[in-house]
Amino acid sequence: MITDIIERLNKHIDYSYKDVLKPVAYPVLTKSSILPASLDGEIYNDAVPDSKKKSIAFWEDWGTRAVSVHVRDSTYVSNVRLIVWVNMEFVDLSRGQCISEMIKSIPKFIPGERGIYIKNTEIFPSTTNIFSRYSFREGKQYMTAPYYAFSLAYDIKFKTQVC
């Protein structure tokens, strides 16, 4: 369910340094790997840091919990993180402005849809720990200047109905 919500959410996210924006990723992002559980078997080559890109952003699923369960509907909260890598050579913003612009670009709800609410809960500044779940190709350093990375944590609250 959260993968579907993220895909719909991505259609409404727009920011000045947008280059690659992906749905929920899994802990393998290498030059030629296929993401496990990818519905379409897509190869995420464009989600690997590259000096020719302005930015790469993708979502991580950190789990879903039930908030209330009823006979007709249930409410859940998913914890997700948006991982953002930026090539500052292509961006006319400061690091703080990049974070601020990204936060502003993510709506608090998905327009035209009911029962889905999005709340920013935490900001993680640039550290290599942001990418600790991933295996990037070796030989290039994409975590030092002029590159920058940050992560934004969100709670996405949604309802499901039993027919």
C-alpha atoms as a PDB file:
ATOM      1  CA  MET A   1       0.000   0.000   0.000  1.00  0.00           C
ATOM      2  CA  ILE A   2       2.728   2.505   0.939  1.00  0.00           C
ATOM      3  CA  THR A   3       4.508   1.953  -2.396  1.00  0.00           C
ATOM      4  CA  ASP A   4       1.322   2.962  -4.232  1.00  0.00           C
ATOM      5  CA  ILE A   5       0.942   6.046  -2.021  1.00  0.00           C
ATOM      6  CA  ILE A   6       4.576   7.083  -2.622  1.00  0.00           C
ATOM      7  CA  GLU A   7       4.160   6.725  -6.394  1.00  0.00           C
ATOM      8  CA  ARG A   8       1.087   8.993  -6.273  1.00  0.00           C
ATOM      9  CA  LEU A   9       2.884  11.422  -3.951  1.00  0.00           C
ATOM     10  CA  ASN A  10       5.896  11.674  -6.291  1.00  0.00           C
ATOM     11  CA  LYS A  11       3.643  13.060  -9.032  1.00  0.00           C
ATOM     12  CA  HIS A  12       3.018  16.152  -6.854  1.00  0.00           C
ATOM     13  CA  ILE A  13       6.603  16.805  -5.725  1.00  0.00           C
ATOM     14  CA  ASP A  14       8.431  19.529  -7.633  1.00  0.00           C
ATOM     15  CA  TYR A  15      11.650  21.329  -6.688  1.00  0.00           C
ATOM     16  CA  SER A  16      14.236  23.355  -8.608  1.00  0.00           C
ATOM     17  CA  TYR A  17      17.049  20.774  -8.504  1.00  0.00           C
ATOM     18  CA  LYS A  18      14.866  17.811  -9.495  1.00  0.00           C
ATOM     19  CA  ASP A  19      16.611  15.216 -11.619  1.00  0.00           C
ATOM     20  CA  VAL A  20      15.909  11.642 -10.452  1.00  0.00           C
ATOM     21  CA  LEU A  21      12.945  10.967  -8.128  1.00  0.00           C
ATOM     22  CA  LYS A  22      12.194   7.307  -7.423  1.00  0.00           C
ATOM     23  CA  PRO A  23       9.530   5.452  -5.445  1.00  0.00           C
ATOM     24  CA  VAL A  24      10.353   3.140  -2.538  1.00  0.00           C
ATOM     25  CA  ALA A  25      13.860   1.694  -2.853  1.00  0.00           C
ATOM     26  CA  TYR A  26      15.288  -1.385  -1.258  1.00  0.00           C
ATOM     27  CA  PRO A  27      18.749  -1.867   0.286  1.00  0.00           C
ATOM     28  CA  VAL A  28      20.508  -2.527  -3.022  1.00  0.00           C
ATOM     29  CA  LEU A  29      21.376   0.318  -5.371  1.00  0.00           C
ATOM     30  CA  THR A  30      24.310  -0.689  -7.502  1.00  0.00           C
ATOM     31  CA  LYS A  31      25.264   0.082 -11.067  1.00  0.00           C
ATOM     32  CA  SER A  32      23.556  -2.977 -12.535  1.00  0.00           C
ATOM     33  CA  SER A  33      21.399  -4.475  -9.796  1.00  0.00           C
ATOM     34  CA  ILE A  34      17.701  -5.060 -10.076  1.00  0.00           C
ATOM     35  CA  LEU A  35      15.844  -4.054  -6.954  1.00  0.00           C
ATOM     36  CA  PRO A  36      14.468  -7.015  -5.022  1.00  0.00           C
ATOM     37  CA  ALA A  37      10.661  -7.057  -4.999  1.00  0.00           C
ATOM     38  CA  SER A  38      10.533  -4.480  -7.778  1.00  0.00           C
ATOM     39  CA  LEU A  39       7.184  -5.000  -9.467  1.00  0.00           C
ATOM     40  CA  ASP A  40       8.503  -4.101 -12.884  1.00  0.00           C
ATOM     41  CA  GLY A  41      12.054  -5.461 -12.480  1.00  0.00           C
ATOM     42  CA  GLU A  42      13.348  -1.959 -13.189  1.00  0.00           C
ATOM     43  CA  ILE A  43      17.087  -1.450 -13.015  1.00  0.00           C
ATOM     44  CA  TYR A  44      17.780   1.635 -10.912  1.00  0.00           C
ATOM     45  CA  ASN A  45      21.008   2.744 -12.630  1.00  0.00           C
ATOM     46  CA  ASP A  46      19.879   6.360 -12.393  1.00  0.00           C
ATOM     47  CA  ALA A  47      19.634   6.121  -8.590  1.00  0.00           C
ATOM     48  CA  VAL A  48      23.403   5.726  -8.244  1.00  0.00           C
ATOM     49  CA  PRO A  49      25.336   8.967  -7.569  1.00  0.00           C
ATOM     50  CA  ASP A  50      26.870  10.350 -10.728  1.00  0.00           C
ATOM     51  CA  SER A  51      28.680  13.673 -11.265  1.00  0.00           C
ATOM     52  CA  LYS A  52      26.453  14.422 -14.281  1.00  0.00           C
ATOM     53  CA  LYS A  53      23.248  14.450 -12.199  1.00  0.00           C
ATOM     54  CA  LYS A  54      21.797  17.421 -10.301  1.00  0.00           C
ATOM     55  CA  SER A  55      20.137  15.252  -7.696  1.00  0.00           C
ATOM     56  CA  ILE A  56      18.839  11.829  -6.809  1.00  0.00           C
ATOM     57  CA  ALA A  57      15.961  11.277  -4.406  1.00  0.00           C
ATOM     58  CA  PHE A  58      14.330   8.028  -3.370  1.00  0.00           C
ATOM     59  CA  TRP A  59      12.119   6.789  -0.562  1.00  0.00           C
ATOM     60  CA  GLU A  60      12.821   4.143   2.069  1.00  0.00           C
ATOM     61  CA  ASP A  61      10.075   2.190   3.822  1.00  0.00           C
ATOM     62  CA  TRP A  62      10.774   1.956   7.562  1.00  0.00           C
ATOM     63  CA  GLY A  63       7.658   0.011   8.488  1.00  0.00           C
ATOM     64  CA  THR A  64       3.931   0.404   8.982  1.00  0.00           C
ATOM     65  CA  ARG A  65       1.896   0.078  12.154  1.00  0.00           C
ATOM     66  CA  ALA A  66      -1.844  -0.098  12.760  1.00  0.00           C
ATOM     67  CA  VAL A  67      -3.244   2.874  14.657  1.00  0.00           C
ATOM     68  CA  SER A  68      -6.853   1.701  14.776  1.00  0.00           C
ATOM     69  CA  VAL A  69      -8.595  -1.385  13.437  1.00  0.00           C
ATOM     70  CA  HIS A  70     -12.358  -1.470  12.993  1.00  0.00           C
ATOM     71  CA  VAL A  71     -14.848  -3.685  11.201  1.00  0.00           C
ATOM     72  CA  ARG A  72     -15.243  -1.321   8.226  1.00  0.00           C
ATOM     73  CA  ASP A  73     -11.897   0.438   8.067  1.00  0.00           C
ATOM     74  CA  SER A  74      -8.433   0.571   9.575  1.00  0.00           C
ATOM     75  CA  THR A  75      -5.941   3.401  10.009  1.00  0.00           C
ATOM     76  CA  TYR A  76      -2.203   2.883   9.556  1.00  0.00           C
ATOM     77  CA  VAL A  77       0.930   5.010   9.853  1.00  0.00           C
ATOM     78  CA  SER A  78       3.939   4.273   7.677  1.00  0.00           C
ATOM     79  CA  ASN A  79       7.352   5.607   8.569  1.00  0.00           C
ATOM     80  CA  VAL A  80       9.245   6.550   5.413  1.00  0.00           C
ATOM     81  CA  ARG A  81      12.411   8.474   4.661  1.00  0.00           C
ATOM     82  CA  LEU A  82      13.237  10.515   1.620  1.00  0.00           C
ATOM     83  CA  ILE A  83      16.942  10.206   0.822  1.00  0.00           C
ATOM     84  CA  VAL A  84      18.278  13.133  -1.213  1.00  0.00           C
ATOM     85  CA  TRP A  85      21.725  13.416  -2.831  1.00  0.00           C
ATOM     86  CA  VAL A  86      22.599  16.764  -4.470  1.00  0.00           C
ATOM     87  CA  ASN A  87      25.427  17.813  -6.769  1.00  0.00           C
ATOM     88  CA  MET A  88      25.926  21.384  -5.513  1.00  0.00           C
ATOM     89  CA  GLU A  89      27.819  22.338  -8.701  1.00  0.00           C
ATOM     90  CA  PHE A  90      24.456  22.374 -10.521  1.00  0.00           C
ATOM     91  CA  VAL A  91      22.404  24.022  -7.756  1.00  0.00           C
ATOM     92  CA  ASP A  92      22.186  27.753  -6.993  1.00  0.00           C
ATOM     93  CA  LEU A  93      21.004  27.153  -3.424  1.00  0.00           C
ATOM     94  CA  SER A  94      22.714  26.687  -0.081  1.00  0.00           C
ATOM     95  CA  ARG A  95      22.496  23.320   1.635  1.00  0.00           C
ATOM     96  CA  GLY A  96      19.874  24.656   4.032  1.00  0.00           C
ATOM     97  CA  GLN A  97      17.853  26.049   1.137  1.00  0.00           C
ATOM     98  CA  CYS A  98      17.928  22.634  -0.568  1.00  0.00           C
ATOM     99  CA  ILE A  99      16.455  21.039   2.555  1.00  0.00           C
ATOM    100  CA  SER A 100      13.882  23.810   2.988  1.00  0.00           C
ATOM    101  CA  GLU A 101      12.784  23.672  -0.656  1.00  0.00           C
ATOM    102  CA  MET A 102      12.375  19.895  -0.497  1.00  0.00           C
ATOM    103  CA  ILE A 103      10.279  20.084   2.675  1.00  0.00           C
ATOM    104  CA  LYS A 104       8.056  22.748   1.085  1.00  0.00           C
ATOM    105  CA  SER A 105       7.636  20.683  -2.093  1.00  0.00           C
ATOM    106  CA  ILE A 106       6.129  17.698  -0.280  1.00  0.00           C
ATOM    107  CA  PRO A 107       2.397  18.199   0.252  1.00  0.00           C
ATOM    108  CA  LYS A 108       0.712  17.492   3.575  1.00  0.00           C
ATOM    109  CA  PHE A 109      -1.843  15.407   1.690  1.00  0.00           C
ATOM    110  CA  ILE A 110      -2.209  14.071  -1.831  1.00  0.00           C
ATOM    111  CA  PRO A 111      -4.508  16.392  -3.786  1.00  0.00           C
ATOM    112  CA  GLY A 112      -7.757  14.738  -4.801  1.00  0.00           C
ATOM    113  CA  GLU A 113      -7.347  11.829  -2.382  1.00  0.00           C
ATOM    114  CA  ARG A 114      -9.004  11.439   0.978  1.00  0.00           C
ATOM    115  CA  GLY A 115      -7.595   9.893   4.108  1.00  0.00           C
ATOM    116  CA  ILE A 116      -3.856  10.227   3.346  1.00  0.00           C
ATOM    117  CA  TYR A 117      -1.881  12.678   5.503  1.00  0.00           C
ATOM    118  CA  ILE A 118       1.860  13.359   5.303  1.00  0.00           C
ATOM    119  CA  LYS A 119       3.861  14.799   8.213  1.00  0.00           C
ATOM    120  CA  ASN A 120       7.589  15.610   8.360  1.00  0.00           C
ATOM    121  CA  THR A 121       8.966  14.224  11.625  1.00  0.00           C
ATOM    122  CA  GLU A 122      12.753  14.596  11.388  1.00  0.00           C
ATOM    123  CA  ILE A 123      15.624  15.974   9.305  1.00  0.00           C
ATOM    124  CA  PHE A 124      18.886  14.044   9.049  1.00  0.00           C
ATOM    125  CA  PRO A 125      21.851  16.127   7.807  1.00  0.00           C
ATOM    126  CA  SER A 126      24.588  14.818   5.560  1.00  0.00           C
ATOM    127  CA  THR A 127      26.376  11.786   6.903  1.00  0.00           C
ATOM    128  CA  THR A 128      27.453   8.552   5.310  1.00  0.00           C
ATOM    129  CA  ASN A 129      25.009   6.760   7.645  1.00  0.00           C
ATOM    130  CA  ILE A 130      22.194   7.908   5.351  1.00  0.00           C
ATOM    131  CA  PHE A 131      23.483   5.433   2.762  1.00  0.00           C
ATOM    132  CA  SER A 132      24.513   2.634   5.133  1.00  0.00           C
ATOM    133  CA  ARG A 133      21.803   0.313   3.759  1.00  0.00           C
ATOM    134  CA  TYR A 134      23.120   0.576   0.192  1.00  0.00           C
ATOM    135  CA  SER A 135      25.914  -0.769  -1.932  1.00  0.00           C
ATOM    136  CA  PHE A 136      27.100   1.880  -4.396  1.00  0.00           C
ATOM    137  CA  ARG A 137      29.783   1.195  -6.935  1.00  0.00           C
ATOM    138  CA  GLU A 138      33.244   1.822  -5.633  1.00  0.00           C
ATOM    139  CA  GLY A 139      35.970   4.076  -7.009  1.00  0.00           C
ATOM    140  CA  LYS A 140      34.224   7.466  -6.741  1.00  0.00           C
ATOM    141  CA  GLN A 141      33.554   9.523  -3.635  1.00  0.00           C
ATOM    142  CA  TYR A 142      30.118  11.115  -3.833  1.00  0.00           C
ATOM    143  CA  MET A 143      29.804  12.170  -0.184  1.00  0.00           C
ATOM    144  CA  THR A 144      32.357  14.999  -0.155  1.00  0.00           C
ATOM    145  CA  ALA A 145      32.227  18.481  -1.695  1.00  0.00           C
ATOM    146  CA  PRO A 146      30.715  19.460  -4.066  1.00  0.00           C
ATOM    147  CA  TYR A 147      28.157  16.777  -3.169  1.00  0.00           C
ATOM    148  CA  TYR A 148      25.667  16.892  -0.324  1.00  0.00           C
ATOM    149  CA  ALA A 149      23.079  14.504   1.066  1.00  0.00           C
ATOM    150  CA  PHE A 150      20.271  14.666   3.582  1.00  0.00           C
ATOM    151  CA  SER A 151      17.291  12.614   4.628  1.00  0.00           C
ATOM    152  CA  LEU A 152      13.782  13.618   5.674  1.00  0.00           C
ATOM    153  CA  ALA A 153      11.631  11.335   7.820  1.00  0.00           C
ATOM    154  CA  TYR A 154       7.860  11.321   7.317  1.00  0.00           C
ATOM    155  CA  ASP A 155       4.830   9.664   8.819  1.00  0.00           C
ATOM    156  CA  ILE A 156       2.188   8.867   6.220  1.00  0.00           C
ATOM    157  CA  LYS A 157      -1.189   8.175   7.775  1.00  0.00           C
ATOM    158  CA  PHE A 158      -3.758   6.376   5.641  1.00  0.00           C
ATOM    159  CA  LYS A 159      -7.001   4.428   5.895  1.00  0.00           C
ATOM    160  CA  THR A 160      -8.023   1.211   4.267  1.00  0.00           C
ATOM    161  CA  GLN A 161     -11.626   0.114   3.921  1.00  0.00           C
ATOM    162  CA  VAL A 162     -12.993  -3.390   4.063  1.00  0.00           C
ATOM    163  CA  CYS A 163     -15.645  -3.987   1.411  1.00  0.00           C
END
